[in-house]
Amino acid sequence: MIITALTDVINKKLTDGIYLHGILELENGYDLVSIDEIPEKDGIYECTTVLHNEKVPSILYFWKVNNRNRGLVVKRTDEKAIKNADETYNNRSEFI
């Protein structure tokens, strides 16, 4: 699964409800992303984020609330963001 950060989006549709989080958001300056394939089920998925033309190993925390996609994308080494994303995912929060 490839997640593309806003600064690298060219002719791609932004993905509503799924956002960069933690270090990825800080490094990008924005939290908006485009995802090549949306998961069908809630879960925690390994993925790659394209950020400033570099591939960054990442994790997507993905869930649905009221048939709307929700998710946070974090860098695999960002322990603080992983902890926060894990809590948000476990609560299946609608607002992130």
Protein backbone atom coordinates (compact mmCIF):
# COMPACT_ATOMS: atom_id res chain seq x y z
CA MET A 1 0.00 0.00 0.00
CA ILE A 2 1.38 3.38 -1.00
CA ILE A 3 0.37 6.55 0.81
CA THR A 4 1.35 9.82 -0.83
CA ALA A 5 1.79 13.00 1.23
CA LEU A 6 0.07 16.20 0.02
CA THR A 7 3.29 17.84 -1.15
CA ASP A 8 3.91 14.90 -3.50
CA VAL A 9 0.35 14.59 -4.83
CA ILE A 10 0.15 15.24 -8.55
CA ASN A 11 -3.12 14.34 -10.27
CA LYS A 12 -4.17 12.16 -7.33
CA LYS A 13 -7.36 12.34 -5.33
CA LEU A 14 -6.95 13.22 -1.67
CA THR A 15 -8.22 10.57 0.73
CA ASP A 16 -10.83 11.92 3.13
CA GLY A 17 -10.61 10.91 6.80
CA ILE A 18 -7.05 9.56 6.79
CA TYR A 19 -4.20 11.76 7.93
CA LEU A 20 -0.45 11.87 8.51
CA HIS A 21 0.38 11.97 12.22
CA GLY A 22 3.40 12.75 14.38
CA ILE A 23 6.80 13.14 12.71
CA LEU A 24 5.33 12.49 9.23
CA GLU A 25 2.92 15.40 9.62
CA LEU A 26 5.65 17.67 10.97
CA GLU A 27 8.07 16.77 8.17
CA ASN A 28 5.37 17.27 5.51
CA GLY A 29 3.84 20.44 6.94
CA TYR A 30 0.35 19.09 6.20
CA ASP A 31 -1.61 16.02 7.26
CA LEU A 32 -3.45 15.31 3.98
CA VAL A 33 -2.74 12.17 1.94
CA SER A 34 -3.74 10.12 -1.09
CA ILE A 35 -3.91 6.33 -0.75
CA ASP A 36 -3.64 3.94 -3.69
CA GLU A 37 -5.86 1.28 -2.07
CA ILE A 38 -8.26 1.76 0.85
CA PRO A 39 -8.43 -1.26 3.16
CA GLU A 40 -11.75 -3.07 3.30
CA LYS A 41 -11.51 -3.94 7.00
CA ASP A 42 -10.46 -2.16 10.17
CA GLY A 43 -6.86 -2.93 10.99
CA ILE A 44 -3.26 -1.90 11.39
CA TYR A 45 -1.36 -2.11 8.11
CA GLU A 46 2.29 -1.75 7.14
CA CYS A 47 2.65 0.69 4.29
CA THR A 48 5.03 3.06 2.57
CA THR A 49 4.56 6.83 2.65
CA VAL A 50 6.00 8.92 -0.17
CA LEU A 51 7.20 12.10 1.49
CA HIS A 52 9.24 14.64 -0.50
CA ASN A 53 9.95 11.93 -3.11
CA GLU A 54 11.37 9.56 -0.48
CA LYS A 55 9.79 6.27 0.60
CA VAL A 56 9.24 6.15 4.37
CA PRO A 57 8.31 2.87 6.11
CA SER A 58 5.00 3.61 7.86
CA ILE A 59 1.97 2.15 9.62
CA LEU A 60 -1.67 2.88 8.77
CA TYR A 61 -4.19 2.60 11.61
CA PHE A 62 -7.50 2.27 9.74
CA TRP A 63 -11.12 2.03 10.91
CA LYS A 64 -14.61 2.99 9.80
CA VAL A 65 -17.14 5.01 11.80
CA ASN A 66 -20.68 5.41 10.41
CA ASN A 67 -19.42 4.11 7.02
CA ARG A 68 -16.76 6.83 6.89
CA ASN A 69 -13.04 6.08 6.64
CA ARG A 70 -10.81 7.12 9.51
CA GLY A 71 -7.09 6.58 9.86
CA LEU A 72 -3.73 7.79 11.01
CA VAL A 73 -0.44 7.19 9.20
CA VAL A 74 2.68 7.16 11.37
CA LYS A 75 6.38 6.60 10.77
CA ARG A 76 7.41 3.13 12.00
CA THR A 77 10.04 4.63 14.31
CA ASP A 78 7.81 7.36 15.85
CA GLU A 79 6.98 5.79 19.22
CA LYS A 80 4.94 8.75 20.51
CA ALA A 81 2.73 8.87 17.39
CA ILE A 82 2.35 5.08 17.41
CA LYS A 83 1.12 5.16 20.99
CA ASN A 84 -1.38 7.94 20.19
CA ALA A 85 -2.57 6.26 16.98
CA ASP A 86 -2.99 2.96 18.82
CA GLU A 87 -5.19 4.62 21.48
CA THR A 88 -7.23 6.47 18.84
CA TYR A 89 -7.65 3.26 16.83
CA ASN A 90 -8.71 1.23 19.87
CA ASN A 91 -11.34 3.86 20.73
CA ARG A 92 -12.54 3.93 17.09
CA SER A 93 -12.75 7.70 17.41
CA GLU A 94 -14.81 9.55 14.81
CA PHE A 95 -12.91 12.80 15.33
CA ILE A 96 -9.16 12.69 14.86
